[in-house]
Amino acid sequence: MSGITDMKISVRQICFIMLAYTAVSKFILYPTALSFNSGRDLLFSSLIDFLIQGVIIWAVSFLCSRTDKTFFKLIEGTLGKVVARIIYGLFALFFIVATVIPLFEQKVYVQAIFYDTIPSLLIFLPFFAFSVYAACKGFKNIGRCADVCLPLFLVSMLFIFAMSLGEVNWQHFFPVLKTPLNKVFGGSLITAFRFVEPCWLLMFMGHFEYKKHDALKITLSYAGGALFTLLVLATFYGIYGDIAASRQFAISKISLFFPAIELIGRIDLIALYILEAVMLFALVINIQFAVHCIIKCTGYGNRAVLSLAVNGVLLIMLIFLNNSLDALLGIWSQWMWIAFVIFANIIPLLAWTMRKRDKNEG
C-alpha cells in the first residue's frame, strides 16, 4: 500500500512542475542557440515549439479525464504487456538521452557562474549524490519538491526581472519577421530536443485524481512556463541585440547592467543561487522518470540499485566527455530532434488511439 501511495501526485503539483521546471530547463544555453539561429525573431521560433507542445499537453491532460489508467496500462490493454515493457524500456533510454545536454550545461554553468576557480568536474560531482537519492523516490516526493520549488522560482524571477527589464532596448527586435522563414522554423526544429514536457505528463497519467477543468489548469500552467521563458528570451536579446549569439548562460547575463551592482556588487547572484536549486530539481526529474520506466520495463523494483546504475551511466559520460558539450550540442541539434519529436510529440498523441475503458473501471 505504501508503494502505491508513493506513486501518487496532485494536480496542483503537476501544475507547479509544468510552470517552473518548463521554464528553468531553458534558461542556460537555449536563448543563445535561438539568438544564433533566428536572430531578432527568436521569440517566434520559441513560440512555435511552445504552441505545439501546449496542444499536446492539453491532449494528454484531457485524455486523463477519459481514463484512470496509467500509460503503461493503456499500452498493455491495447498491445500487450510485452510491448508495454519494450516501450517503457525505450522511454527509459529516452529520458537518459534527455538528461545529457541539461547535465553538461549545468556543469559548465555552475563552474562559470559560481566556482570559476575550481575545476568544473570536481565541483559538480556532489550533484550525483543528490541525484542518486532523489531518483530513489517516487512521484509523491517529486510533488513535494515541486511545492518547494515554485515559490523559490517566483521569488528569484521577480528579482532577476526587476534588475534587468529596465535595461532592455526594444529597438533590437525591429524590423519584425524579416528573418528568413527557414531560419525561424529551423530554430524551432534544432531546439526541439529541449521540449520533453508531454513525456512528463504521460508518466503522471493514472497517478493523480482528475477533476473537472484540470486539463485547462495543467495547460495554462504550461503556458505560464512558456511566458517566463519568452520573457527571458526577450530580455536577453533586448539587452544584447546582435551579440546575444555570443553570450552564454543567458539567465546570469541579463541582470549584469543593473546600476546597483556597480555600487554593492553581484547581488543578482543571490537570486541565481536560489534559481539554481530549482534547476537541479528540473534536471533530476528526467532521471527519476528513467528509473520509473526501468522498473516498469524489467519488473525489478529496487530503486536504489537502479538509481545508482542510471546515475553511474551519466557520471561515466560526464567524465569521458567532460569537454565535449559543443560536440554533443551539434549531435542533438542535427539528429536527436528526431527522437524528441517521436517521443514527446507523436507518442503522446498516439495514446488517444489506445483502448480505454470507462473511467470508473480504473
Protein backbone atom coordinates (compact mmCIF):
# COMPACT_ATOMS: atom_id res chain seq x y z
CA MET A 1 0.00 0.00 0.00
CA SER A 2 2.83 2.40 0.82
CA GLY A 3 4.32 1.82 -2.63
CA ILE A 4 1.02 2.76 -4.26
CA THR A 5 0.75 5.89 -2.13
CA ASP A 6 4.32 6.85 -3.02
CA MET A 7 3.32 6.91 -6.69
CA LYS A 8 0.56 9.49 -6.21
CA ILE A 9 0.84 13.16 -7.10
CA SER A 10 -1.67 16.02 -7.08
CA VAL A 11 -2.80 18.17 -9.99
CA ARG A 12 -1.55 21.23 -8.12
CA GLN A 13 1.95 19.77 -8.02
CA ILE A 14 1.83 18.81 -11.70
CA CYS A 15 0.87 22.41 -12.49
CA PHE A 16 3.84 23.67 -10.47
CA ILE A 17 6.15 21.34 -12.41
CA MET A 18 4.74 22.44 -15.76
CA LEU A 19 5.25 26.09 -14.84
CA ALA A 20 8.61 26.18 -13.05
CA TYR A 21 10.52 23.21 -14.48
CA THR A 22 9.46 24.01 -18.05
CA ALA A 23 10.95 27.48 -17.74
CA VAL A 24 14.20 26.83 -15.84
CA SER A 25 15.18 23.97 -18.16
CA LYS A 26 15.52 26.56 -20.95
CA PHE A 27 17.41 29.36 -19.19
CA ILE A 28 21.05 28.45 -19.81
CA LEU A 29 22.04 27.95 -23.46
CA TYR A 30 18.64 27.82 -25.19
CA PRO A 31 18.48 31.65 -25.58
CA THR A 32 21.99 31.71 -27.09
CA ALA A 33 21.14 28.96 -29.59
CA LEU A 34 17.94 30.72 -30.68
CA SER A 35 19.76 34.05 -30.98
CA PHE A 36 22.30 32.42 -33.27
CA ASN A 37 19.75 30.68 -35.47
CA SER A 38 16.76 33.04 -35.51
CA GLY A 39 18.23 36.42 -34.61
CA ARG A 40 15.76 39.12 -33.59
CA ASP A 41 12.84 36.79 -34.40
CA LEU A 42 13.87 34.21 -31.79
CA LEU A 43 10.58 34.73 -29.94
CA PHE A 44 8.65 33.37 -32.92
CA SER A 45 10.87 30.27 -33.12
CA SER A 46 10.28 29.59 -29.44
CA LEU A 47 6.57 30.30 -29.70
CA ILE A 48 6.18 27.68 -32.44
CA ASP A 49 7.58 24.96 -30.19
CA PHE A 50 5.57 26.09 -27.19
CA LEU A 51 2.32 26.17 -29.17
CA ILE A 52 2.89 22.64 -30.48
CA GLN A 53 3.80 21.34 -27.04
CA GLY A 54 0.89 23.20 -25.47
CA VAL A 55 -1.58 21.44 -27.76
CA ILE A 56 -0.04 18.07 -26.88
CA ILE A 57 -0.05 18.90 -23.16
CA TRP A 58 -3.76 19.68 -23.42
CA ALA A 59 -4.42 16.46 -25.38
CA VAL A 60 -2.70 14.28 -22.79
CA SER A 61 -4.35 16.18 -19.92
CA PHE A 62 -7.77 15.72 -21.49
CA LEU A 63 -7.04 12.03 -22.06
CA CYS A 64 -6.63 11.75 -18.28
CA SER A 65 -10.26 12.79 -17.96
CA ARG A 66 -11.27 9.76 -20.04
CA THR A 67 -9.38 7.07 -18.15
CA ASP A 68 -7.81 6.42 -14.77
CA LYS A 69 -5.29 4.04 -16.31
CA THR A 70 -1.58 4.70 -16.34
CA PHE A 71 0.16 4.99 -19.69
CA PHE A 72 1.65 1.54 -19.09
CA LYS A 73 -1.81 0.07 -18.55
CA LEU A 74 -3.11 1.75 -21.70
CA ILE A 75 -0.36 0.16 -23.77
CA GLU A 76 -0.78 -3.19 -22.04
CA GLY A 77 -4.54 -3.20 -22.64
CA THR A 78 -4.09 -2.43 -26.34
CA LEU A 79 -0.81 -4.06 -27.41
CA GLY A 80 0.00 -6.46 -24.60
CA LYS A 81 2.36 -6.49 -21.65
CA VAL A 82 5.49 -7.35 -23.63
CA VAL A 83 5.04 -4.36 -25.93
CA ALA A 84 4.33 -2.16 -22.90
CA ARG A 85 7.58 -3.26 -21.30
CA ILE A 86 9.52 -2.61 -24.52
CA ILE A 87 8.03 0.87 -24.92
CA TYR A 88 8.83 1.75 -21.31
CA GLY A 89 12.36 0.48 -21.85
CA LEU A 90 12.67 2.85 -24.81
CA PHE A 91 11.27 5.68 -22.68
CA ALA A 92 13.90 4.94 -20.02
CA LEU A 93 16.58 5.33 -22.67
CA PHE A 94 14.88 8.47 -23.95
CA PHE A 95 14.84 10.10 -20.51
CA ILE A 96 18.54 9.35 -20.11
CA VAL A 97 19.21 10.94 -23.51
CA ALA A 98 17.05 13.92 -22.49
CA THR A 99 19.23 14.37 -19.40
CA VAL A 100 22.58 14.53 -21.21
CA ILE A 101 22.54 18.10 -22.55
CA PRO A 102 20.98 19.68 -19.41
CA LEU A 103 23.53 17.79 -17.29
CA PHE A 104 26.52 19.05 -19.27
CA GLU A 105 25.03 22.56 -19.41
CA GLN A 106 24.63 22.61 -15.65
CA LYS A 107 28.22 21.51 -15.15
CA VAL A 108 29.70 24.34 -17.23
CA TYR A 109 27.14 26.86 -15.91
CA VAL A 110 27.82 26.15 -12.23
CA GLN A 111 31.56 26.34 -12.78
CA ALA A 112 31.41 29.56 -14.81
CA ILE A 113 28.97 31.45 -12.57
CA PHE A 114 29.63 30.22 -9.04
CA TYR A 115 33.01 28.44 -8.85
CA ASP A 116 35.18 29.78 -11.66
CA THR A 117 38.46 29.00 -9.86
CA ILE A 118 37.72 25.29 -9.28
CA PRO A 119 37.74 22.57 -11.97
CA SER A 120 34.16 22.13 -13.19
CA LEU A 121 34.06 18.33 -12.92
CA LEU A 122 35.26 18.39 -9.32
CA ILE A 123 32.67 20.87 -8.08
CA PHE A 124 29.82 19.15 -9.93
CA LEU A 125 30.39 15.65 -8.58
CA PRO A 126 28.26 16.27 -5.43
CA PHE A 127 25.27 16.62 -7.75
CA PHE A 128 25.26 12.86 -8.22
CA ALA A 129 24.83 12.24 -4.50
CA PHE A 130 21.70 14.39 -4.65
CA SER A 131 20.57 12.73 -7.88
CA VAL A 132 21.04 9.18 -6.59
CA TYR A 133 18.96 9.99 -3.53
CA ALA A 134 16.23 11.81 -5.49
CA ALA A 135 15.91 9.07 -8.11
CA CYS A 136 15.22 6.54 -5.32
CA LYS A 137 11.97 8.34 -4.57
CA GLY A 138 8.55 8.10 -6.19
CA PHE A 139 6.06 10.61 -7.55
CA LYS A 140 4.97 11.72 -4.08
CA ASN A 141 8.48 13.05 -3.48
CA ILE A 142 8.54 14.71 -6.91
CA GLY A 143 5.33 16.54 -5.99
CA ARG A 144 6.66 17.71 -2.63
CA CYS A 145 9.78 19.06 -4.29
CA ALA A 146 7.59 20.97 -6.75
CA ASP A 147 5.72 22.54 -3.82
CA VAL A 148 9.03 23.88 -2.53
CA CYS A 149 10.42 24.90 -5.90
CA LEU A 150 7.55 27.07 -7.15
CA PRO A 151 7.90 29.87 -4.55
CA LEU A 152 11.70 29.77 -4.96
CA PHE A 153 11.24 30.11 -8.71
CA LEU A 154 8.78 33.00 -8.46
CA VAL A 155 10.86 34.97 -5.95
CA SER A 156 14.11 34.57 -7.87
CA MET A 157 12.49 35.50 -11.19
CA LEU A 158 10.90 38.57 -9.62
CA PHE A 159 14.32 39.83 -8.51
CA ILE A 160 16.00 38.99 -11.82
CA PHE A 161 13.35 40.75 -13.90
CA ALA A 162 13.36 43.74 -11.53
CA MET A 163 17.09 44.12 -12.14
CA SER A 164 17.01 43.59 -15.91
CA LEU A 165 13.81 44.73 -17.63
CA GLY A 166 14.76 48.40 -17.32
CA GLU A 167 17.88 47.76 -19.44
CA VAL A 168 16.03 46.29 -22.44
CA ASN A 169 16.29 48.13 -25.76
CA TRP A 170 13.17 47.07 -27.65
CA GLN A 171 14.59 48.51 -30.89
CA HIS A 172 16.71 45.37 -31.13
CA PHE A 173 13.60 43.47 -32.24
CA PHE A 174 12.87 45.68 -35.25
CA PRO A 175 12.14 45.13 -38.05
CA VAL A 176 9.93 42.22 -37.06
CA LEU A 177 9.80 38.96 -39.07
CA LYS A 178 12.50 39.97 -41.53
CA THR A 179 14.49 36.86 -40.70
CA PRO A 180 14.10 34.20 -43.44
CA LEU A 181 11.33 31.77 -42.50
CA ASN A 182 13.62 28.79 -42.96
CA LYS A 183 15.76 30.16 -40.11
CA VAL A 184 12.74 30.86 -37.90
CA PHE A 185 11.36 27.35 -38.38
CA GLY A 186 14.88 25.91 -38.36
CA GLY A 187 15.47 27.48 -34.95
CA SER A 188 12.35 25.71 -33.69
CA LEU A 189 13.45 22.37 -35.12
CA ILE A 190 17.04 22.26 -33.92
CA THR A 191 16.00 23.23 -30.38
CA ALA A 192 13.12 20.72 -30.27
CA PHE A 193 15.25 18.42 -28.09
CA ARG A 194 14.70 20.84 -25.21
CA PHE A 195 10.95 20.13 -25.08
CA VAL A 196 10.10 16.94 -23.16
CA GLU A 197 7.18 18.10 -21.01
CA PRO A 198 4.46 15.94 -22.66
CA CYS A 199 6.50 12.89 -21.65
CA TRP A 200 6.39 14.00 -18.02
CA LEU A 201 2.62 14.15 -18.23
CA LEU A 202 2.47 10.68 -19.82
CA MET A 203 4.36 9.29 -16.84
CA PHE A 204 1.96 11.03 -14.42
CA MET A 205 -1.10 9.50 -16.13
CA GLY A 206 -3.15 7.43 -13.72
CA HIS A 207 -1.17 8.67 -10.73
CA PHE A 208 -3.38 11.66 -9.93
CA GLU A 209 -7.10 12.16 -9.43
CA TYR A 210 -8.52 14.07 -12.37
CA LYS A 211 -11.23 16.64 -11.63
CA LYS A 212 -13.23 18.94 -13.85
CA HIS A 213 -11.15 21.61 -15.66
CA ASP A 214 -7.82 20.02 -14.64
CA ALA A 215 -6.78 19.81 -18.31
CA LEU A 216 -7.21 23.57 -18.56
CA LYS A 217 -5.26 24.15 -15.33
CA ILE A 218 -2.34 22.00 -16.48
CA THR A 219 -2.28 23.60 -19.93
CA LEU A 220 -2.42 27.12 -18.50
CA SER A 221 0.42 26.25 -16.12
CA TYR A 222 2.48 25.14 -19.10
CA ALA A 223 1.58 28.42 -20.81
CA GLY A 224 2.88 30.19 -17.70
CA GLY A 225 6.20 28.38 -18.04
CA ALA A 226 6.28 29.38 -21.70
CA LEU A 227 5.61 33.02 -20.77
CA PHE A 228 8.52 33.11 -18.32
CA THR A 229 10.79 31.59 -20.98
CA LEU A 230 9.68 34.12 -23.60
CA LEU A 231 10.28 36.96 -21.12
CA VAL A 232 13.83 35.74 -20.51
CA LEU A 233 14.41 35.44 -24.27
CA ALA A 234 13.04 38.96 -24.84
CA THR A 235 15.11 40.43 -22.01
CA PHE A 236 18.28 38.66 -23.12
CA TYR A 237 18.04 39.70 -26.77
CA GLY A 238 16.69 43.12 -25.84
CA ILE A 239 19.82 43.83 -23.80
CA TYR A 240 22.46 42.29 -26.07
CA GLY A 241 20.94 42.54 -29.54
CA ASP A 242 23.06 41.07 -32.32
CA ILE A 243 25.82 39.99 -29.92
CA ALA A 244 23.41 37.80 -27.93
CA ALA A 245 24.52 34.81 -30.00
CA SER A 246 28.00 35.12 -28.45
CA ARG A 247 26.78 35.37 -24.85
CA GLN A 248 26.33 32.11 -22.95
CA PHE A 249 24.35 31.43 -19.77
CA ALA A 250 21.59 33.93 -20.55
CA ILE A 251 19.88 33.88 -17.16
CA SER A 252 23.11 35.02 -15.49
CA LYS A 253 23.79 37.75 -18.04
CA ILE A 254 20.53 39.71 -18.13
CA SER A 255 20.95 41.41 -14.74
CA LEU A 256 24.60 42.43 -15.16
CA PHE A 257 23.78 46.02 -16.10
CA PHE A 258 21.62 46.74 -13.06
CA PRO A 259 23.02 50.08 -11.74
CA ALA A 260 23.25 48.96 -8.10
CA ILE A 261 25.68 46.17 -9.00
CA GLU A 262 28.43 48.74 -9.59
CA LEU A 263 27.97 50.01 -6.03
CA ILE A 264 27.33 46.91 -3.93
CA GLY A 265 28.49 44.01 -6.12
CA ARG A 266 26.78 40.99 -7.70
CA ILE A 267 23.58 40.98 -5.66
CA ASP A 268 21.96 39.13 -8.56
CA LEU A 269 23.95 36.06 -7.52
CA ILE A 270 21.57 35.62 -4.58
CA ALA A 271 18.66 35.16 -6.98
CA LEU A 272 20.77 32.93 -9.22
CA TYR A 273 21.70 30.69 -6.27
CA ILE A 274 18.02 30.31 -5.39
CA LEU A 275 17.11 29.59 -9.00
CA GLU A 276 19.88 27.01 -9.25
CA ALA A 277 18.07 24.84 -6.69
CA VAL A 278 15.01 24.76 -8.95
CA MET A 279 17.19 24.00 -11.97
CA LEU A 280 18.67 20.96 -10.23
CA PHE A 281 15.22 19.56 -9.40
CA ALA A 282 14.16 20.15 -13.00
CA LEU A 283 17.26 18.30 -14.18
CA VAL A 284 16.82 15.31 -11.89
CA ILE A 285 13.16 14.73 -12.80
CA ASN A 286 14.22 13.05 -16.06
CA ILE A 287 16.47 10.72 -14.08
CA GLN A 288 13.58 9.91 -11.75
CA PHE A 289 11.40 9.05 -14.76
CA ALA A 290 14.17 6.91 -16.25
CA VAL A 291 14.27 4.83 -13.06
CA HIS A 292 10.47 4.59 -13.04
CA CYS A 293 10.45 3.33 -16.63
CA ILE A 294 13.15 0.74 -15.94
CA ILE A 295 11.08 -0.59 -13.04
CA LYS A 296 8.03 -0.97 -15.29
CA CYS A 297 10.13 -2.49 -18.08
CA THR A 298 12.00 -5.06 -16.01
CA GLY A 299 9.73 -5.62 -13.01
CA TYR A 300 12.77 -5.09 -10.79
CA GLY A 301 11.73 -2.74 -8.01
CA ASN A 302 14.93 -1.86 -6.16
CA ARG A 303 15.03 1.88 -6.80
CA ALA A 304 18.37 2.37 -5.04
CA VAL A 305 20.17 -0.06 -7.34
CA LEU A 306 18.54 1.34 -10.46
CA SER A 307 19.25 4.91 -9.37
CA LEU A 308 22.91 4.06 -8.87
CA ALA A 309 23.01 2.41 -12.30
CA VAL A 310 21.40 5.30 -14.19
CA ASN A 311 23.47 7.92 -12.40
CA GLY A 312 26.57 5.79 -12.93
CA VAL A 313 26.00 5.84 -16.69
CA LEU A 314 25.58 9.62 -16.66
CA LEU A 315 28.67 10.08 -14.48
CA ILE A 316 30.78 7.96 -16.83
CA MET A 317 29.56 10.04 -19.77
CA LEU A 318 30.38 13.23 -17.89
CA ILE A 319 33.91 12.05 -17.13
CA PHE A 320 34.78 10.77 -20.60
CA LEU A 321 33.04 13.60 -22.47
CA ASN A 322 34.00 16.30 -19.99
CA ASN A 323 34.88 18.96 -22.57
CA SER A 324 32.54 17.84 -25.34
CA LEU A 325 29.45 19.99 -24.79
CA ASP A 326 29.76 21.75 -28.14
CA ALA A 327 30.05 18.42 -29.98
CA LEU A 328 27.06 17.00 -28.10
CA LEU A 329 25.00 20.09 -28.87
CA GLY A 330 25.81 19.61 -32.55
CA ILE A 331 24.65 15.98 -32.48
CA TRP A 332 21.50 16.73 -30.51
CA SER A 333 20.63 19.70 -32.75
CA GLN A 334 21.20 17.89 -36.03
CA TRP A 335 19.89 14.42 -35.25
CA MET A 336 18.40 13.91 -31.81
CA TRP A 337 15.43 16.19 -32.50
CA ILE A 338 14.01 13.24 -34.44
CA ALA A 339 13.80 11.12 -31.28
CA PHE A 340 12.27 14.01 -29.35
CA VAL A 341 9.61 14.59 -31.99
CA ILE A 342 8.70 10.89 -31.82
CA PHE A 343 8.66 10.52 -28.03
CA ALA A 344 7.44 13.98 -26.98
CA ASN A 345 5.03 14.71 -29.86
CA ILE A 346 3.89 11.63 -31.76
CA ILE A 347 3.63 9.02 -28.99
CA PRO A 348 1.64 11.27 -26.59
CA LEU A 349 -0.90 11.88 -29.35
CA LEU A 350 -0.99 8.17 -30.22
CA ALA A 351 -2.03 7.48 -26.63
CA TRP A 352 -5.51 8.58 -27.73
CA THR A 353 -5.70 5.60 -30.11
CA MET A 354 -5.26 3.07 -27.31
CA ARG A 355 -8.11 1.10 -25.82
CA LYS A 356 -9.76 2.92 -22.95
CA ARG A 357 -12.47 1.60 -20.63
CA ASP A 358 -14.87 3.59 -18.52
CA LYS A 359 -13.08 5.88 -16.11
CA ASN A 360 -14.66 4.19 -13.10
CA GLU A 361 -13.14 0.87 -14.11
CA GLY A 362 -9.61 2.25 -13.48
